[in-house]
Amino acid sequence: MPPSEREEDIGPVRALRAIVPRFIKLRARRALDVAHNLDLRLRRTGSRLDRLAAGLPRRSVVVLGVYQGDPGDLDTACEELLASRHEVELWLGSTSDVTPALAPYTRVTGLTGRKVMNTNSLWASWRGQHDSEPDWMITIDDDVVLPRGFLDRFLALCEHFDLTLAGAAQTHRSHAAWGVTRRRWRSLLRETRYVEIGPVTAFRPEAVARLFPMPLLHFTWGVDQHWAAVAEQERWRIGIVDATPIRHERNPIGGAYSRPEAGAEAERFLAAHPHLTHAEANTTLRTHRRTAPQPDKRI
């Protein structure tokens, strides 16, 4: 017997019920980002941050990033990073063909591992050709869109609030795995208990010395929860910079690998290493809304 009209509609109806909430949520998130950006402009936050950034001495910065044949957003992100007043050295790796626009900065080719292994390989390559450590080491994913003036403002805030490990907040439209990483209203920077391993993460030399090379996991899940415990042991100040939000909208979290496998590997890793729980990691300790003097920051 042929299916009834109602039975034929079950598939489309279910699909519509799934699509409509996602559509509404996406529109709401876009509206939130528009409100955030308008508020930043009206309060001239960018100008204030540029003045703060102008007072920071030039820093040496090495940027590690890996791309496939399609560089995604990495080429435009690199242009933005190189526009900084700081001394920026791009140290990129490719898993396949070298993209012409990134060829001058592609130092390692034929990478075959996943994120952790590839990043370790890039860092080892950089260290093999340099005697001194950079003031900052930054890791960046290939699907990130950076705002104008990102690096100067980002580092100025990181140093003003004396962070050792820092992440860039993500817009509301971004694919974010952790709620604590999304931008907050009228916040310049938040001190947190956790910083995610991407999409953009910044390390001072003491963090690099303690956290690299990263544990050789096939996936990255759990590594940053361990970092959070290390940060507390070392008494580092860590946090998320809200005033320079990045867009991470191209690739959904876990879209290119097995989430159950990643979760199982993370459980095994965390069982053997100190770490913060999800609830502990999703914690903001202090929100900074102004660049007031920080009397206890390092000289």
Protein backbone atom coordinates (compact mmCIF):
# COMPACT_ATOMS: atom_id res chain seq x y z
CA MET A 1 0.00 0.00 0.00
CA PRO A 2 1.41 3.43 -0.90
CA PRO A 3 2.23 5.72 2.02
CA SER A 4 -0.36 8.25 3.05
CA GLU A 5 0.19 11.96 2.47
CA ARG A 6 0.82 12.45 6.16
CA GLU A 7 3.45 9.72 6.24
CA GLU A 8 5.22 11.30 3.27
CA ASP A 9 5.40 14.59 5.18
CA ILE A 10 7.10 13.11 8.24
CA GLY A 11 10.62 13.52 6.80
CA PRO A 12 10.25 17.16 5.66
CA VAL A 13 8.40 18.14 8.84
CA ARG A 14 11.10 16.71 11.04
CA ALA A 15 13.74 18.42 8.96
CA LEU A 16 11.87 21.73 9.21
CA ARG A 17 11.55 21.38 12.96
CA ALA A 18 15.31 20.93 13.17
CA ILE A 19 16.15 23.75 10.75
CA VAL A 20 13.88 26.48 12.15
CA PRO A 21 15.41 26.56 15.67
CA ARG A 22 18.92 26.61 14.18
CA PHE A 23 17.92 29.43 11.84
CA ILE A 24 16.44 31.48 14.69
CA LYS A 25 19.49 30.83 16.87
CA LEU A 26 21.83 31.90 14.06
CA ARG A 27 19.89 35.12 13.47
CA ALA A 28 19.94 35.85 17.21
CA ARG A 29 23.68 35.28 17.38
CA ARG A 30 24.24 37.55 14.40
CA ALA A 31 22.19 40.24 16.11
CA LEU A 32 24.29 39.87 19.26
CA ASP A 33 27.49 40.32 17.29
CA VAL A 34 26.10 43.39 15.53
CA ALA A 35 25.17 44.88 18.92
CA HIS A 36 28.63 44.11 20.32
CA ASN A 37 30.40 45.68 17.36
CA LEU A 38 28.21 48.78 17.40
CA ASP A 39 28.84 49.24 21.11
CA LEU A 40 32.60 48.98 20.57
CA ARG A 41 32.45 51.68 17.89
CA LEU A 42 30.22 54.02 19.90
CA ARG A 43 32.51 53.79 22.91
CA ARG A 44 35.63 54.20 20.71
CA THR A 45 37.13 51.07 22.19
CA GLY A 46 39.35 50.52 19.17
CA SER A 47 40.97 53.95 19.52
CA ARG A 48 41.63 53.39 23.22
CA LEU A 49 43.19 50.01 22.51
CA ASP A 50 45.35 51.48 19.74
CA ARG A 51 46.75 53.99 22.23
CA LEU A 52 47.44 51.18 24.68
CA ALA A 53 49.11 49.16 21.93
CA ALA A 54 51.30 52.09 20.88
CA GLY A 55 52.87 52.08 24.33
CA LEU A 56 53.92 48.43 24.15
CA PRO A 57 57.51 47.84 22.96
CA ARG A 58 57.87 45.81 19.78
CA ARG A 59 57.71 42.13 20.54
CA SER A 60 59.03 39.11 18.67
CA VAL A 61 56.15 36.83 17.71
CA VAL A 62 56.25 33.47 15.97
CA VAL A 63 52.98 32.19 14.52
CA LEU A 64 52.45 28.47 13.93
CA GLY A 65 49.70 27.27 11.61
CA VAL A 66 48.93 24.25 9.43
CA TYR A 67 46.82 24.21 6.27
CA GLN A 68 45.73 21.70 3.64
CA GLY A 69 45.59 22.36 -0.09
CA ASP A 70 42.86 24.94 0.52
CA PRO A 71 44.29 27.50 2.97
CA GLY A 72 40.80 28.39 4.16
CA ASP A 73 41.03 31.79 5.83
CA LEU A 74 44.70 31.45 6.74
CA ASP A 75 46.03 33.58 3.88
CA THR A 76 43.97 36.62 4.88
CA ALA A 77 44.70 36.00 8.57
CA CYS A 78 48.42 36.02 7.78
CA GLU A 79 48.07 39.34 5.98
CA GLU A 80 46.44 40.80 9.07
CA LEU A 81 49.15 39.42 11.36
CA LEU A 82 51.94 40.78 9.17
CA ALA A 83 50.33 44.24 9.29
CA SER A 84 51.21 44.39 13.00
CA ARG A 85 53.88 46.74 14.33
CA HIS A 86 55.49 43.78 16.06
CA GLU A 87 58.20 41.54 14.61
CA VAL A 88 56.07 38.68 13.28
CA GLU A 89 57.50 35.49 11.82
CA LEU A 90 55.05 33.11 10.17
CA TRP A 91 56.06 29.47 10.45
CA LEU A 92 53.50 27.43 8.55
CA GLY A 93 53.15 23.81 7.57
CA SER A 94 51.18 22.08 4.83
CA THR A 95 49.64 18.63 4.70
CA SER A 96 49.44 18.65 0.89
CA ASP A 97 50.19 21.13 -1.89
CA VAL A 98 51.77 24.43 -0.97
CA THR A 99 49.48 27.40 -1.59
CA PRO A 100 51.32 30.07 -3.66
CA ALA A 101 50.22 32.93 -1.41
CA LEU A 102 51.62 31.12 1.64
CA ALA A 103 54.72 29.64 -0.01
CA PRO A 104 57.14 32.21 1.50
CA TYR A 105 56.02 31.23 4.98
CA THR A 106 55.54 27.48 4.52
CA ARG A 107 58.53 25.90 6.27
CA VAL A 108 57.39 22.28 6.58
CA THR A 109 55.52 20.24 3.96
CA GLY A 110 54.08 16.76 3.83
CA LEU A 111 52.76 16.81 7.38
CA THR A 112 50.77 13.65 8.02
CA GLY A 113 49.65 13.93 11.65
CA ARG A 114 46.73 15.68 13.25
CA LYS A 115 46.73 19.03 15.04
CA VAL A 116 48.91 18.18 18.05
CA MET A 117 51.57 16.26 16.13
CA ASN A 118 51.72 18.84 13.33
CA THR A 119 52.03 21.74 15.76
CA ASN A 120 54.81 19.94 17.63
CA SER A 121 56.60 19.37 14.32
CA LEU A 122 56.36 23.06 13.42
CA TRP A 123 57.62 24.15 16.82
CA ALA A 124 60.56 21.72 16.63
CA SER A 125 61.36 23.03 13.14
CA TRP A 126 61.36 26.64 14.34
CA ARG A 127 63.51 25.89 17.36
CA GLY A 128 65.97 24.00 15.20
CA GLN A 129 66.71 27.21 13.31
CA HIS A 130 66.62 29.74 16.16
CA ASP A 131 68.72 30.18 19.28
CA SER A 132 66.44 32.51 21.26
CA GLU A 133 62.81 32.26 22.31
CA PRO A 134 60.18 34.68 20.98
CA ASP A 135 58.33 36.99 23.33
CA TRP A 136 55.11 35.30 22.22
CA MET A 137 54.27 32.13 20.36
CA ILE A 138 50.84 31.97 18.75
CA THR A 139 49.05 29.00 17.24
CA ILE A 140 46.28 29.62 14.72
CA ASP A 141 43.80 27.37 12.92
CA ASP A 142 43.26 27.73 9.16
CA ASP A 143 39.57 28.67 9.44
CA VAL A 144 39.81 31.88 11.46
CA VAL A 145 38.91 35.44 10.43
CA LEU A 146 40.76 38.10 12.43
CA PRO A 147 39.48 41.63 13.09
CA ARG A 148 41.45 44.67 11.94
CA GLY A 149 44.35 45.54 14.22
CA PHE A 150 44.06 42.17 15.92
CA LEU A 151 47.61 41.39 16.99
CA ASP A 152 48.59 44.84 18.31
CA ARG A 153 45.45 45.14 20.40
CA PHE A 154 45.46 41.51 21.50
CA LEU A 155 49.06 41.55 22.76
CA ALA A 156 48.61 44.95 24.40
CA LEU A 157 45.76 43.60 26.50
CA CYS A 158 47.56 40.33 27.24
CA GLU A 159 50.58 42.19 28.58
CA HIS A 160 48.61 44.91 30.33
CA PHE A 161 46.80 42.26 32.36
CA ASP A 162 49.93 40.09 32.60
CA LEU A 163 48.63 36.90 31.01
CA THR A 164 50.93 33.94 30.50
CA LEU A 165 48.47 31.94 28.40
CA ALA A 166 45.70 33.62 26.42
CA GLY A 167 42.98 32.93 23.90
CA ALA A 168 41.03 35.20 21.59
CA ALA A 169 37.30 35.25 22.30
CA GLN A 170 35.04 33.95 19.57
CA THR A 171 32.02 35.74 18.14
CA HIS A 172 28.53 34.47 18.91
CA ARG A 173 28.22 33.17 15.34
CA SER A 174 31.36 31.07 15.70
CA HIS A 175 31.53 27.33 16.18
CA ALA A 176 32.76 27.33 19.78
CA ALA A 177 33.19 24.19 21.87
CA TRP A 178 33.26 26.01 25.22
CA GLY A 179 30.82 28.65 26.44
CA VAL A 180 33.56 30.51 28.31
CA THR A 181 35.32 31.27 25.02
CA ARG A 182 32.49 33.37 23.57
CA ARG A 183 32.80 37.15 23.75
CA ARG A 184 31.19 38.97 26.66
CA TRP A 185 29.32 42.25 26.71
CA ARG A 186 31.54 45.29 27.36
CA SER A 187 34.43 43.15 28.50
CA LEU A 188 37.97 43.87 27.34
CA LEU A 189 39.47 40.76 28.86
CA ARG A 190 38.50 38.06 31.35
CA GLU A 191 40.76 36.15 33.66
CA THR A 192 39.63 32.54 33.46
CA ARG A 193 40.66 29.11 34.66
CA TYR A 194 40.85 27.74 31.12
CA VAL A 195 42.18 28.64 27.68
CA GLU A 196 41.27 26.49 24.70
CA ILE A 197 43.80 24.89 22.37
CA GLY A 198 42.71 27.10 19.47
CA PRO A 199 41.45 28.57 17.28
CA VAL A 200 43.95 31.29 18.34
CA THR A 201 46.11 30.70 21.40
CA ALA A 202 49.05 32.76 22.68
CA PHE A 203 51.88 31.51 24.88
CA ARG A 204 54.57 33.38 26.75
CA PRO A 205 57.98 31.66 26.95
CA GLU A 206 57.30 30.10 30.36
CA ALA A 207 54.09 28.57 29.02
CA VAL A 208 55.88 27.20 25.96
CA ALA A 209 58.60 25.69 28.16
CA ARG A 210 55.99 23.97 30.35
CA LEU A 211 53.40 22.93 27.76
CA PHE A 212 55.49 22.00 24.70
CA PRO A 213 55.86 19.57 23.13
CA MET A 214 52.19 18.78 23.55
CA PRO A 215 51.07 15.25 24.46
CA LEU A 216 50.95 13.09 21.35
CA LEU A 217 47.22 12.50 21.18
CA HIS A 218 45.51 11.68 17.91
CA PHE A 219 42.87 14.28 18.78
CA THR A 220 43.24 17.41 20.89
CA TRP A 221 40.42 16.86 23.36
CA GLY A 222 41.50 17.05 26.97
CA VAL A 223 44.89 18.68 26.40
CA ASP A 224 43.68 22.15 27.31
CA GLN A 225 41.86 20.88 30.41
CA HIS A 226 45.25 19.57 31.52
CA TRP A 227 46.83 22.93 30.65
CA ALA A 228 44.32 24.57 32.99
CA ALA A 229 45.53 22.44 35.90
CA VAL A 230 49.16 23.19 35.03
CA ALA A 231 48.36 26.93 34.97
CA GLU A 232 46.95 26.73 38.48
CA GLN A 233 49.95 24.75 39.71
CA GLU A 234 52.31 27.33 38.20
CA ARG A 235 50.17 30.25 39.44
CA TRP A 236 49.87 31.70 35.97
CA ARG A 237 47.33 34.34 35.14
CA ILE A 238 45.46 33.15 32.05
CA GLY A 239 42.46 34.50 30.22
CA ILE A 240 40.40 35.33 27.16
CA VAL A 241 40.56 38.62 25.25
CA ASP A 242 37.03 39.77 24.45
CA ALA A 243 37.90 43.06 22.75
CA THR A 244 39.48 41.30 19.74
CA PRO A 245 36.88 38.64 18.87
CA ILE A 246 37.68 36.23 16.06
CA ARG A 247 35.27 34.54 13.68
CA HIS A 248 35.42 30.75 13.57
CA GLU A 249 32.47 29.95 11.34
CA ARG A 250 33.78 27.74 8.53
CA ASN A 251 34.12 24.30 10.17
CA PRO A 252 31.85 22.88 12.91
CA ILE A 253 33.54 21.37 15.96
CA GLY A 254 34.24 17.68 15.39
CA GLY A 255 33.02 17.80 11.80
CA ALA A 256 36.12 16.14 10.37
CA TYR A 257 36.63 13.33 12.86
CA SER A 258 34.87 10.88 15.15
CA ARG A 259 33.59 12.63 18.25
CA PRO A 260 33.15 9.34 20.19
CA GLU A 261 36.75 8.37 19.47
CA ALA A 262 37.99 11.81 20.48
CA GLY A 263 35.96 11.65 23.69
CA ALA A 264 37.24 8.18 24.56
CA GLU A 265 40.85 9.23 24.01
CA ALA A 266 40.30 12.33 26.17
CA GLU A 267 38.89 10.23 29.00
CA ARG A 268 41.95 7.99 28.97
CA PHE A 269 44.32 10.96 28.88
CA LEU A 270 42.60 12.91 31.64
CA ALA A 271 42.43 9.84 33.88
CA ALA A 272 46.22 9.90 33.96
CA HIS A 273 46.79 13.66 34.16
CA PRO A 274 45.65 16.47 36.49
CA HIS A 275 42.92 18.53 34.88
CA LEU A 276 39.90 20.75 35.38
CA THR A 277 36.41 19.41 34.85
CA HIS A 278 34.12 20.98 32.25
CA ALA A 279 32.29 22.92 34.95
CA GLU A 280 35.53 24.18 36.47
CA ALA A 281 36.94 25.14 33.08
CA ASN A 282 33.85 27.15 32.11
CA THR A 283 34.57 29.67 34.87
CA THR A 284 35.34 33.38 34.68
CA LEU A 285 37.36 34.63 37.64
CA ARG A 286 37.41 38.34 36.85
CA THR A 287 36.12 40.61 34.09
CA HIS A 288 38.12 43.68 33.09
CA ARG A 289 36.09 46.43 31.46
CA ARG A 290 38.72 49.17 31.66
CA THR A 291 42.48 49.33 31.22
CA ALA A 292 43.12 50.47 34.79
CA PRO A 293 46.74 50.24 36.00
CA GLN A 294 47.79 46.78 37.12
CA PRO A 295 50.19 47.29 40.05
CA ASP A 296 51.13 43.61 40.36
CA LYS A 297 52.04 42.92 36.74
CA ARG A 298 55.57 41.91 35.76
CA ILE A 299 58.10 44.52 34.79
